[in-house]
């Protein structure tokens, strides 16, 4: 298996609980809290670990919450590469209304970075990057860092033969899609993000595949994946347009589904699998993740059980 490095610059200590019913202006008695390490790249590493693989996680940490997060990661057996953050690691809270099943998510801001911090980040990642392996950036770009940070990293990784997998949002995603800098190997987004970028509805899976194929043809990424929720995911690469179905399962929480997809997708490629297999494993892991509570991710048992229920088909 080729090496995988995940990068999380704005991690969080995730607290999750539930209440009988969410009511404004009342003191709500919560169930005992569950504490998990959180953040896009961290969740990708956790998903890879749960699926039986290995990765290294470069994580920016600081303060009491940073110490807590470090302990949580070590407890899960994640191979951690700590990076000094410019301030206290953030907290997030997810509360489920047991009467309706709805989940309310409160995410606090993380520390603000500066130019010196950007140099430290690029140096740390360049030092840790695996030769001919995979580097995963998942999550938003932290405050204070330039929107082209993923692209800058891609340019540095190209010389090392490493492949960059990006699952980001907001201005950083928009900048990547404008094709102003070095293209990542793989770029993942959800349907709403794709529609905003395309400037039109992507009603069918063929519509999503068309947009993904256009991005590949424009040199935005070698592989583009668009998640379509319950309709599965589509993938486009040169000469290839695929759809993987999402398994019909009871949905308990959508938190971590995307990161579970990226973990399974990247792990399959790093293990020598082709794009069709990676797409299928990603869809199965995402389906498994929505069956778990709060901030829990996919499990190996459920992912393997759902694999046949996530068939891959070619799109015209």
C-alpha atoms as a PDB file:
ATOM      1  CA  UNK A   1       0.000   0.000   0.000  1.00  0.00           C
ATOM      2  CA  UNK A   2       1.334   3.436  -0.937  1.00  0.00           C
ATOM      3  CA  UNK A   3       1.710   6.000   1.831  1.00  0.00           C
ATOM      4  CA  UNK A   4      -1.150   8.363   2.640  1.00  0.00           C
ATOM      5  CA  UNK A   5      -0.713  11.687   4.437  1.00  0.00           C
ATOM      6  CA  UNK A   6      -3.760  13.661   5.559  1.00  0.00           C
ATOM      7  CA  UNK A   7      -3.587  17.359   6.398  1.00  0.00           C
ATOM      8  CA  UNK A   8      -5.869  19.087   8.937  1.00  0.00           C
ATOM      9  CA  UNK A   9      -5.094  22.734   9.642  1.00  0.00           C
ATOM     10  CA  UNK A  10      -8.309  23.638  11.464  1.00  0.00           C
ATOM     11  CA  UNK A  11      -9.159  20.560  13.553  1.00  0.00           C
ATOM     12  CA  UNK A  12     -11.769  20.397  16.258  1.00  0.00           C
ATOM     13  CA  UNK A  13     -12.728  18.532  19.386  1.00  0.00           C
ATOM     14  CA  UNK A  14     -16.221  17.304  18.497  1.00  0.00           C
ATOM     15  CA  UNK A  15     -18.792  17.069  21.284  1.00  0.00           C
ATOM     16  CA  UNK A  16     -22.090  15.350  20.511  1.00  0.00           C
ATOM     17  CA  UNK A  17     -25.178  14.850  22.636  1.00  0.00           C
ATOM     18  CA  UNK A  18     -28.969  14.757  22.404  1.00  0.00           C
ATOM     19  CA  UNK A  19     -32.015  16.262  24.082  1.00  0.00           C
ATOM     20  CA  UNK A  20     -35.673  15.176  24.169  1.00  0.00           C
ATOM     21  CA  UNK A  21     -36.632  18.257  22.145  1.00  0.00           C
ATOM     22  CA  UNK A  22     -34.895  21.500  21.148  1.00  0.00           C
ATOM     23  CA  UNK A  23     -36.825  24.472  22.553  1.00  0.00           C
ATOM     24  CA  UNK A  24     -35.679  28.093  22.493  1.00  0.00           C
ATOM     25  CA  UNK A  25     -35.045  30.009  25.748  1.00  0.00           C
ATOM     26  CA  UNK A  26     -35.141  26.934  27.989  1.00  0.00           C
ATOM     27  CA  UNK A  27     -32.414  25.074  29.830  1.00  0.00           C
ATOM     28  CA  UNK A  28     -32.051  21.799  27.921  1.00  0.00           C
ATOM     29  CA  UNK A  29     -30.809  18.722  29.797  1.00  0.00           C
ATOM     30  CA  UNK A  30     -28.448  16.859  27.506  1.00  0.00           C
ATOM     31  CA  UNK A  31     -27.519  13.195  27.411  1.00  0.00           C
ATOM     32  CA  UNK A  32     -23.900  12.376  28.346  1.00  0.00           C
ATOM     33  CA  UNK A  33     -21.580  13.841  25.721  1.00  0.00           C
ATOM     34  CA  UNK A  34     -19.491  11.790  23.319  1.00  0.00           C
ATOM     35  CA  UNK A  35     -16.111  13.323  22.464  1.00  0.00           C
ATOM     36  CA  UNK A  36     -14.395  12.612  19.135  1.00  0.00           C
ATOM     37  CA  UNK A  37     -11.479  14.080  17.210  1.00  0.00           C
ATOM     38  CA  UNK A  38     -12.802  16.112  14.290  1.00  0.00           C
ATOM     39  CA  UNK A  39     -11.757  17.930  11.145  1.00  0.00           C
ATOM     40  CA  UNK A  40     -11.754  16.802   7.535  1.00  0.00           C
ATOM     41  CA  UNK A  41      -8.275  15.296   7.241  1.00  0.00           C
ATOM     42  CA  UNK A  42      -8.494  13.764  10.708  1.00  0.00           C
ATOM     43  CA  UNK A  43     -11.752  12.042   9.799  1.00  0.00           C
ATOM     44  CA  UNK A  44     -10.189  10.731   6.589  1.00  0.00           C
ATOM     45  CA  UNK A  45      -7.358   9.180   8.627  1.00  0.00           C
ATOM     46  CA  UNK A  46      -9.870   7.773  11.123  1.00  0.00           C
ATOM     47  CA  UNK A  47     -11.926   6.252   8.308  1.00  0.00           C
ATOM     48  CA  UNK A  48      -8.830   4.680   6.772  1.00  0.00           C
ATOM     49  CA  UNK A  49      -7.925   3.224  10.174  1.00  0.00           C
ATOM     50  CA  UNK A  50     -11.463   1.868  10.685  1.00  0.00           C
ATOM     51  CA  UNK A  51     -11.314   0.236   7.252  1.00  0.00           C
ATOM     52  CA  UNK A  52      -8.086  -1.577   8.106  1.00  0.00           C
ATOM     53  CA  UNK A  53      -5.587   0.769   6.449  1.00  0.00           C
ATOM     54  CA  UNK A  54      -2.860   3.112   7.653  1.00  0.00           C
ATOM     55  CA  UNK A  55      -2.109   6.777   7.135  1.00  0.00           C
ATOM     56  CA  UNK A  56      -0.241   9.597   8.804  1.00  0.00           C
ATOM     57  CA  UNK A  57      -2.092  12.692   9.960  1.00  0.00           C
ATOM     58  CA  UNK A  58      -0.446  16.100   9.998  1.00  0.00           C
ATOM     59  CA  UNK A  59      -2.552  18.162  12.406  1.00  0.00           C
ATOM     60  CA  UNK A  60      -2.193  21.737  13.663  1.00  0.00           C
ATOM     61  CA  UNK A  61      -2.708  21.770  17.449  1.00  0.00           C
ATOM     62  CA  UNK A  62      -2.488  24.204  20.353  1.00  0.00           C
ATOM     63  CA  UNK A  63      -3.752  24.784  23.867  1.00  0.00           C
ATOM     64  CA  UNK A  64      -5.872  22.637  26.176  1.00  0.00           C
ATOM     65  CA  UNK A  65      -8.163  21.553  23.364  1.00  0.00           C
ATOM     66  CA  UNK A  66      -5.127  20.657  21.282  1.00  0.00           C
ATOM     67  CA  UNK A  67      -3.847  18.411  24.071  1.00  0.00           C
ATOM     68  CA  UNK A  68      -7.289  16.784  24.291  1.00  0.00           C
ATOM     69  CA  UNK A  69      -7.385  16.221  20.544  1.00  0.00           C
ATOM     70  CA  UNK A  70      -3.874  14.736  20.541  1.00  0.00           C
ATOM     71  CA  UNK A  71      -4.894  12.266  23.261  1.00  0.00           C
ATOM     72  CA  UNK A  72      -8.047  11.285  21.349  1.00  0.00           C
ATOM     73  CA  UNK A  73      -6.053  10.629  18.168  1.00  0.00           C
ATOM     74  CA  UNK A  74      -3.433   8.599  19.990  1.00  0.00           C
ATOM     75  CA  UNK A  75      -6.181   6.541  21.630  1.00  0.00           C
ATOM     76  CA  UNK A  76      -7.494   5.637  18.165  1.00  0.00           C
ATOM     77  CA  UNK A  77      -4.039   4.627  16.952  1.00  0.00           C
ATOM     78  CA  UNK A  78      -3.655   7.480  14.455  1.00  0.00           C
ATOM     79  CA  UNK A  79      -0.033   8.139  13.453  1.00  0.00           C
ATOM     80  CA  UNK A  80       0.168  11.831  14.315  1.00  0.00           C
ATOM     81  CA  UNK A  81       2.520  14.507  12.973  1.00  0.00           C
ATOM     82  CA  UNK A  82       1.793  17.553  15.188  1.00  0.00           C
ATOM     83  CA  UNK A  83       2.181  21.094  13.863  1.00  0.00           C
ATOM     84  CA  UNK A  84       2.063  24.138  16.146  1.00  0.00           C
ATOM     85  CA  UNK A  85      -1.127  26.135  15.527  1.00  0.00           C
ATOM     86  CA  UNK A  86      -1.275  29.912  16.158  1.00  0.00           C
ATOM     87  CA  UNK A  87      -3.997  29.590  18.794  1.00  0.00           C
ATOM     88  CA  UNK A  88      -6.344  27.341  20.751  1.00  0.00           C
ATOM     89  CA  UNK A  89      -7.783  24.370  18.859  1.00  0.00           C
ATOM     90  CA  UNK A  90     -11.508  24.894  18.296  1.00  0.00           C
ATOM     91  CA  UNK A  91     -14.565  23.066  19.633  1.00  0.00           C
ATOM     92  CA  UNK A  92     -17.751  22.026  17.859  1.00  0.00           C
ATOM     93  CA  UNK A  93     -21.064  20.765  19.214  1.00  0.00           C
ATOM     94  CA  UNK A  94     -23.673  18.525  17.589  1.00  0.00           C
ATOM     95  CA  UNK A  95     -27.027  18.135  19.363  1.00  0.00           C
ATOM     96  CA  UNK A  96     -29.724  15.746  18.162  1.00  0.00           C
ATOM     97  CA  UNK A  97     -33.394  16.430  18.809  1.00  0.00           C
ATOM     98  CA  UNK A  98     -34.647  12.958  19.728  1.00  0.00           C
ATOM     99  CA  UNK A  99     -38.279  13.897  19.019  1.00  0.00           C
ATOM    100  CA  UNK A 100     -37.628  14.783  15.373  1.00  0.00           C
ATOM    101  CA  UNK A 101     -34.268  13.175  14.645  1.00  0.00           C
ATOM    102  CA  UNK A 102     -32.935  16.548  13.476  1.00  0.00           C
ATOM    103  CA  UNK A 103     -29.358  17.443  14.297  1.00  0.00           C
ATOM    104  CA  UNK A 104     -28.105  20.929  15.185  1.00  0.00           C
ATOM    105  CA  UNK A 105     -24.407  21.609  14.600  1.00  0.00           C
ATOM    106  CA  UNK A 106     -22.507  24.503  16.171  1.00  0.00           C
ATOM    107  CA  UNK A 107     -18.944  25.052  14.912  1.00  0.00           C
ATOM    108  CA  UNK A 108     -16.667  27.590  16.574  1.00  0.00           C
ATOM    109  CA  UNK A 109     -13.974  29.440  14.591  1.00  0.00           C
ATOM    110  CA  UNK A 110     -10.395  28.303  14.792  1.00  0.00           C
ATOM    111  CA  UNK A 111      -7.229  30.404  15.188  1.00  0.00           C
ATOM    112  CA  UNK A 112      -6.118  32.939  12.572  1.00  0.00           C
ATOM    113  CA  UNK A 113      -2.948  32.095  10.601  1.00  0.00           C
ATOM    114  CA  UNK A 114      -0.438  34.479   9.033  1.00  0.00           C
ATOM    115  CA  UNK A 115       2.276  34.435   6.360  1.00  0.00           C
ATOM    116  CA  UNK A 116       4.836  32.907   8.721  1.00  0.00           C
ATOM    117  CA  UNK A 117       2.369  30.158   9.559  1.00  0.00           C
ATOM    118  CA  UNK A 118       1.849  29.435   5.867  1.00  0.00           C
ATOM    119  CA  UNK A 119       5.596  28.948   5.388  1.00  0.00           C
ATOM    120  CA  UNK A 120       5.665  26.557   8.352  1.00  0.00           C
ATOM    121  CA  UNK A 121       2.714  24.603   6.942  1.00  0.00           C
ATOM    122  CA  UNK A 122       4.229  24.204   3.483  1.00  0.00           C
ATOM    123  CA  UNK A 123       7.600  23.225   4.981  1.00  0.00           C
ATOM    124  CA  UNK A 124       6.040  20.640   7.312  1.00  0.00           C
ATOM    125  CA  UNK A 125       3.930  19.078   4.569  1.00  0.00           C
ATOM    126  CA  UNK A 126       6.816  19.029   2.091  1.00  0.00           C
ATOM    127  CA  UNK A 127       9.006  17.304   4.678  1.00  0.00           C
ATOM    128  CA  UNK A 128       6.342  14.722   5.555  1.00  0.00           C
ATOM    129  CA  UNK A 129       5.012  14.056   2.048  1.00  0.00           C
ATOM    130  CA  UNK A 130       5.306  10.440   0.933  1.00  0.00           C
ATOM    131  CA  UNK A 131       7.237   9.766  -2.278  1.00  0.00           C
ATOM    132  CA  UNK A 132       4.770   8.658  -4.970  1.00  0.00           C
ATOM    133  CA  UNK A 133       2.019   8.465  -2.347  1.00  0.00           C
ATOM    134  CA  UNK A 134      -1.172  10.396  -1.637  1.00  0.00           C
ATOM    135  CA  UNK A 135      -1.774  13.625   0.263  1.00  0.00           C
ATOM    136  CA  UNK A 136      -5.351  14.449   1.307  1.00  0.00           C
ATOM    137  CA  UNK A 137      -6.579  17.948   2.139  1.00  0.00           C
ATOM    138  CA  UNK A 138     -10.134  17.820   3.431  1.00  0.00           C
ATOM    139  CA  UNK A 139     -12.002  20.757   4.931  1.00  0.00           C
ATOM    140  CA  UNK A 140     -12.070  24.519   4.586  1.00  0.00           C
ATOM    141  CA  UNK A 141      -8.967  26.719   4.463  1.00  0.00           C
ATOM    142  CA  UNK A 142      -8.400  28.303   7.916  1.00  0.00           C
ATOM    143  CA  UNK A 143      -8.759  32.019   8.474  1.00  0.00           C
ATOM    144  CA  UNK A 144      -5.698  34.042   7.520  1.00  0.00           C
ATOM    145  CA  UNK A 145      -4.428  31.589   4.895  1.00  0.00           C
ATOM    146  CA  UNK A 146      -4.729  32.406   1.182  1.00  0.00           C
ATOM    147  CA  UNK A 147      -7.460  30.730  -0.844  1.00  0.00           C
ATOM    148  CA  UNK A 148      -4.834  29.282  -3.175  1.00  0.00           C
ATOM    149  CA  UNK A 149      -3.163  27.295  -0.377  1.00  0.00           C
ATOM    150  CA  UNK A 150      -4.272  23.886  -1.788  1.00  0.00           C
ATOM    151  CA  UNK A 151      -2.964  24.886  -5.202  1.00  0.00           C
ATOM    152  CA  UNK A 152       0.366  26.036  -3.742  1.00  0.00           C
ATOM    153  CA  UNK A 153       0.677  22.690  -2.024  1.00  0.00           C
ATOM    154  CA  UNK A 154      -0.163  20.890  -5.268  1.00  0.00           C
ATOM    155  CA  UNK A 155       2.689  22.645  -7.029  1.00  0.00           C
ATOM    156  CA  UNK A 156       5.148  21.526  -4.351  1.00  0.00           C
ATOM    157  CA  UNK A 157       3.892  17.946  -4.355  1.00  0.00           C
ATOM    158  CA  UNK A 158       4.180  17.563  -8.105  1.00  0.00           C
ATOM    159  CA  UNK A 159       7.982  17.494  -7.868  1.00  0.00           C
ATOM    160  CA  UNK A 160       7.777  14.644  -5.344  1.00  0.00           C
ATOM    161  CA  UNK A 161       5.470  12.502  -7.478  1.00  0.00           C
ATOM    162  CA  UNK A 162       2.769  12.621  -4.791  1.00  0.00           C
ATOM    163  CA  UNK A 163      -0.902  12.840  -5.767  1.00  0.00           C
ATOM    164  CA  UNK A 164      -3.065  15.438  -4.079  1.00  0.00           C
ATOM    165  CA  UNK A 165      -6.700  14.650  -3.219  1.00  0.00           C
ATOM    166  CA  UNK A 166      -8.736  17.766  -2.324  1.00  0.00           C
ATOM    167  CA  UNK A 167     -12.172  18.012  -0.712  1.00  0.00           C
ATOM    168  CA  UNK A 168     -12.599  21.675   0.164  1.00  0.00           C
ATOM    169  CA  UNK A 169     -15.232  24.366  -0.129  1.00  0.00           C
ATOM    170  CA  UNK A 170     -15.864  28.082  -0.518  1.00  0.00           C
ATOM    171  CA  UNK A 171     -13.314  30.405  -2.122  1.00  0.00           C
ATOM    172  CA  UNK A 172     -10.577  27.726  -2.135  1.00  0.00           C
ATOM    173  CA  UNK A 173     -12.772  25.430  -4.232  1.00  0.00           C
ATOM    174  CA  UNK A 174     -13.750  28.277  -6.543  1.00  0.00           C
ATOM    175  CA  UNK A 175     -10.109  29.168  -7.104  1.00  0.00           C
ATOM    176  CA  UNK A 176      -9.199  25.578  -7.938  1.00  0.00           C
ATOM    177  CA  UNK A 177     -12.034  25.354 -10.447  1.00  0.00           C
ATOM    178  CA  UNK A 178     -10.871  28.550 -12.135  1.00  0.00           C
ATOM    179  CA  UNK A 179      -7.697  26.642 -12.954  1.00  0.00           C
ATOM    180  CA  UNK A 180      -5.316  29.402 -11.938  1.00  0.00           C
ATOM    181  CA  UNK A 181      -2.692  27.140 -10.348  1.00  0.00           C
ATOM    182  CA  UNK A 182      -1.399  23.576 -10.282  1.00  0.00           C
ATOM    183  CA  UNK A 183      -4.184  21.014 -10.582  1.00  0.00           C
ATOM    184  CA  UNK A 184      -4.722  18.320  -7.930  1.00  0.00           C
ATOM    185  CA  UNK A 185      -4.941  14.667  -8.866  1.00  0.00           C
ATOM    186  CA  UNK A 186      -8.498  14.327  -7.559  1.00  0.00           C
ATOM    187  CA  UNK A 187     -11.108  16.907  -6.609  1.00  0.00           C
ATOM    188  CA  UNK A 188     -14.341  16.069  -4.776  1.00  0.00           C
ATOM    189  CA  UNK A 189     -17.367  18.289  -4.198  1.00  0.00           C
ATOM    190  CA  UNK A 190     -21.053  17.865  -3.416  1.00  0.00           C
ATOM    191  CA  UNK A 191     -23.950  18.530  -5.744  1.00  0.00           C
ATOM    192  CA  UNK A 192     -24.830  21.968  -4.351  1.00  0.00           C
ATOM    193  CA  UNK A 193     -21.214  23.115  -4.683  1.00  0.00           C
ATOM    194  CA  UNK A 194     -21.066  21.772  -8.236  1.00  0.00           C
ATOM    195  CA  UNK A 195     -24.305  23.537  -9.174  1.00  0.00           C
ATOM    196  CA  UNK A 196     -23.033  26.830  -7.774  1.00  0.00           C
ATOM    197  CA  UNK A 197     -19.825  26.491  -9.771  1.00  0.00           C
ATOM    198  CA  UNK A 198     -21.619  25.382 -12.930  1.00  0.00           C
ATOM    199  CA  UNK A 199     -24.199  28.148 -12.640  1.00  0.00           C
ATOM    200  CA  UNK A 200     -27.014  25.740 -13.485  1.00  0.00           C
ATOM    201  CA  UNK A 201     -28.992  22.868 -11.939  1.00  0.00           C
ATOM    202  CA  UNK A 202     -27.398  19.425 -12.262  1.00  0.00           C
ATOM    203  CA  UNK A 203     -30.655  17.520 -12.105  1.00  0.00           C
ATOM    204  CA  UNK A 204     -29.506  14.128 -13.341  1.00  0.00           C
ATOM    205  CA  UNK A 205     -26.378  12.093 -12.706  1.00  0.00           C
ATOM    206  CA  UNK A 206     -25.546  12.617 -16.400  1.00  0.00           C
ATOM    207  CA  UNK A 207     -25.655  16.386 -15.806  1.00  0.00           C
ATOM    208  CA  UNK A 208     -23.179  16.005 -12.953  1.00  0.00           C
ATOM    209  CA  UNK A 209     -20.962  13.744 -15.040  1.00  0.00           C
ATOM    210  CA  UNK A 210     -20.993  16.289 -17.891  1.00  0.00           C
ATOM    211  CA  UNK A 211     -19.831  19.046 -15.543  1.00  0.00           C
ATOM    212  CA  UNK A 212     -17.186  16.813 -13.965  1.00  0.00           C
ATOM    213  CA  UNK A 213     -15.928  15.788 -17.431  1.00  0.00           C
ATOM    214  CA  UNK A 214     -15.724  19.447 -18.461  1.00  0.00           C
ATOM    215  CA  UNK A 215     -13.515  20.161 -15.439  1.00  0.00           C
ATOM    216  CA  UNK A 216     -11.244  17.258 -16.353  1.00  0.00           C
ATOM    217  CA  UNK A 217     -11.050  18.436 -19.970  1.00  0.00           C
ATOM    218  CA  UNK A 218     -10.122  21.925 -18.750  1.00  0.00           C
ATOM    219  CA  UNK A 219      -7.234  20.498 -16.718  1.00  0.00           C
ATOM    220  CA  UNK A 220      -8.762  21.357 -13.329  1.00  0.00           C
ATOM    221  CA  UNK A 221      -8.022  17.857 -11.972  1.00  0.00           C
ATOM    222  CA  UNK A 222      -7.249  14.423 -13.373  1.00  0.00           C
ATOM    223  CA  UNK A 223     -10.262  12.995 -11.521  1.00  0.00           C
ATOM    224  CA  UNK A 224     -13.405  14.846 -10.440  1.00  0.00           C
ATOM    225  CA  UNK A 225     -16.006  13.306  -8.116  1.00  0.00           C
ATOM    226  CA  UNK A 226     -19.398  14.881  -7.459  1.00  0.00           C
ATOM    227  CA  UNK A 227     -21.466  13.535  -4.560  1.00  0.00           C
ATOM    228  CA  UNK A 228     -25.219  13.478  -5.218  1.00  0.00           C
ATOM    229  CA  UNK A 229     -26.468  12.427  -1.789  1.00  0.00           C
ATOM    230  CA  UNK A 230     -28.964   9.575  -1.948  1.00  0.00           C
ATOM    231  CA  UNK A 231     -28.331   9.301  -5.711  1.00  0.00           C
ATOM    232  CA  UNK A 232     -24.734   8.220  -5.098  1.00  0.00           C
ATOM    233  CA  UNK A 233     -21.642   9.770  -6.679  1.00  0.00           C
ATOM    234  CA  UNK A 234     -20.373  10.345 -10.193  1.00  0.00           C
ATOM    235  CA  UNK A 235     -16.749  10.323 -11.324  1.00  0.00           C
ATOM    236  CA  UNK A 236     -15.099  11.654 -14.450  1.00  0.00           C
ATOM    237  CA  UNK A 237     -11.561  11.104 -15.690  1.00  0.00           C
ATOM    238  CA  UNK A 238     -10.070  11.124 -19.165  1.00  0.00           C
ATOM    239  CA  UNK A 239     -12.208   8.738 -21.228  1.00  0.00           C
ATOM    240  CA  UNK A 240     -14.189   7.622 -18.165  1.00  0.00           C
ATOM    241  CA  UNK A 241     -17.599   8.572 -16.719  1.00  0.00           C
ATOM    242  CA  UNK A 242     -18.909   6.451 -13.836  1.00  0.00           C
ATOM    243  CA  UNK A 243     -21.762   6.386 -11.323  1.00  0.00           C
ATOM    244  CA  UNK A 244     -21.783   4.539  -7.993  1.00  0.00           C
ATOM    245  CA  UNK A 245     -25.117   4.019  -6.287  1.00  0.00           C
ATOM    246  CA  UNK A 246     -25.642   4.877  -2.642  1.00  0.00           C
ATOM    247  CA  UNK A 247     -27.040   1.995  -0.629  1.00  0.00           C
ATOM    248  CA  UNK A 248     -30.552   2.487   0.714  1.00  0.00           C
ATOM    249  CA  UNK A 249     -29.953   2.574   4.459  1.00  0.00           C
ATOM    250  CA  UNK A 250     -31.547   4.275   7.487  1.00  0.00           C
ATOM    251  CA  UNK A 251     -29.956   7.700   7.951  1.00  0.00           C
ATOM    252  CA  UNK A 252     -28.985   8.571  11.519  1.00  0.00           C
ATOM    253  CA  UNK A 253     -26.359  11.277  10.879  1.00  0.00           C
ATOM    254  CA  UNK A 254     -24.724  12.612   7.725  1.00  0.00           C
ATOM    255  CA  UNK A 255     -21.697  13.882   9.648  1.00  0.00           C
ATOM    256  CA  UNK A 256     -18.515  12.266   8.344  1.00  0.00           C
ATOM    257  CA  UNK A 257     -20.050  10.673   5.245  1.00  0.00           C
ATOM    258  CA  UNK A 258     -17.914  12.734   2.878  1.00  0.00           C
ATOM    259  CA  UNK A 259     -14.731  12.096   4.835  1.00  0.00           C
ATOM    260  CA  UNK A 260     -15.527   8.375   4.959  1.00  0.00           C
ATOM    261  CA  UNK A 261     -15.900   8.453   1.166  1.00  0.00           C
ATOM    262  CA  UNK A 262     -12.544  10.192   0.716  1.00  0.00           C
ATOM    263  CA  UNK A 263     -10.838   7.785   3.116  1.00  0.00           C
ATOM    264  CA  UNK A 264     -12.125   4.676   1.374  1.00  0.00           C
ATOM    265  CA  UNK A 265     -11.548   6.168  -2.089  1.00  0.00           C
ATOM    266  CA  UNK A 266      -7.928   7.124  -1.375  1.00  0.00           C
ATOM    267  CA  UNK A 267      -7.137   3.915   0.495  1.00  0.00           C
ATOM    268  CA  UNK A 268      -8.390   1.824  -2.444  1.00  0.00           C
ATOM    269  CA  UNK A 269      -6.211   3.740  -4.901  1.00  0.00           C
ATOM    270  CA  UNK A 270      -3.204   3.506  -2.571  1.00  0.00           C
ATOM    271  CA  UNK A 271      -3.771  -0.255  -2.396  1.00  0.00           C
ATOM    272  CA  UNK A 272      -3.590  -0.568  -6.181  1.00  0.00           C
ATOM    273  CA  UNK A 273      -7.304  -0.447  -7.003  1.00  0.00           C
ATOM    274  CA  UNK A 274      -8.659   1.279 -10.094  1.00  0.00           C
ATOM    275  CA  UNK A 275     -10.990   4.286 -10.162  1.00  0.00           C
ATOM    276  CA  UNK A 276     -14.138   2.174 -10.441  1.00  0.00           C
ATOM    277  CA  UNK A 277     -13.212   0.175  -7.339  1.00  0.00           C
ATOM    278  CA  UNK A 278     -12.255   3.333  -5.465  1.00  0.00           C
ATOM    279  CA  UNK A 279     -15.608   4.932  -6.330  1.00  0.00           C
ATOM    280  CA  UNK A 280     -17.514   1.844  -5.170  1.00  0.00           C
ATOM    281  CA  UNK A 281     -15.642   1.596  -1.866  1.00  0.00           C
ATOM    282  CA  UNK A 282     -16.136   5.320  -1.313  1.00  0.00           C
ATOM    283  CA  UNK A 283     -19.887   5.031  -1.885  1.00  0.00           C
ATOM    284  CA  UNK A 284     -20.127   2.051   0.457  1.00  0.00           C
ATOM    285  CA  UNK A 285     -18.162   3.828   3.203  1.00  0.00           C
ATOM    286  CA  UNK A 286     -20.332   6.943   2.894  1.00  0.00           C
ATOM    287  CA  UNK A 287     -23.470   4.786   3.100  1.00  0.00           C
ATOM    288  CA  UNK A 288     -22.086   3.057   6.189  1.00  0.00           C
ATOM    289  CA  UNK A 289     -21.249   6.396   7.809  1.00  0.00           C
ATOM    290  CA  UNK A 290     -24.799   7.784   7.640  1.00  0.00           C
ATOM    291  CA  UNK A 291     -25.990   4.748   9.624  1.00  0.00           C
ATOM    292  CA  UNK A 292     -23.914   5.762  12.655  1.00  0.00           C
ATOM    293  CA  UNK A 293     -24.754   8.287  15.367  1.00  0.00           C
ATOM    294  CA  UNK A 294     -23.461  11.851  15.617  1.00  0.00           C
ATOM    295  CA  UNK A 295     -19.773  12.179  14.704  1.00  0.00           C
ATOM    296  CA  UNK A 296     -19.086   8.449  14.293  1.00  0.00           C
ATOM    297  CA  UNK A 297     -17.745   7.339  10.902  1.00  0.00           C
ATOM    298  CA  UNK A 298     -18.023   4.240   8.738  1.00  0.00           C
ATOM    299  CA  UNK A 299     -17.187   0.787  10.036  1.00  0.00           C
ATOM    300  CA  UNK A 300     -15.311  -1.898   8.135  1.00  0.00           C
ATOM    301  CA  UNK A 301     -18.037  -4.492   8.722  1.00  0.00           C
ATOM    302  CA  UNK A 302     -20.856  -2.285   7.414  1.00  0.00           C
ATOM    303  CA  UNK A 303     -18.796  -0.953   4.501  1.00  0.00           C
ATOM    304  CA  UNK A 304     -17.944  -4.460   3.309  1.00  0.00           C
ATOM    305  CA  UNK A 305     -21.565  -5.544   3.749  1.00  0.00           C
ATOM    306  CA  UNK A 306     -22.839  -2.606   1.671  1.00  0.00           C
ATOM    307  CA  UNK A 307     -20.292  -2.902  -1.134  1.00  0.00           C
ATOM    308  CA  UNK A 308     -22.492  -5.013  -3.438  1.00  0.00           C
ATOM    309  CA  UNK A 309     -25.361  -2.575  -2.856  1.00  0.00           C
ATOM    310  CA  UNK A 310     -23.272   0.255  -4.335  1.00  0.00           C
ATOM    311  CA  UNK A 311     -22.803  -0.980  -7.928  1.00  0.00           C
ATOM    312  CA  UNK A 312     -20.760   1.053 -10.397  1.00  0.00           C
ATOM    313  CA  UNK A 313     -22.056   1.676 -13.907  1.00  0.00           C
ATOM    314  CA  UNK A 314     -20.731   3.564 -16.915  1.00  0.00           C
ATOM    315  CA  UNK A 315     -22.471   6.759 -17.966  1.00  0.00           C
ATOM    316  CA  UNK A 316     -22.874   7.666 -21.606  1.00  0.00           C
END
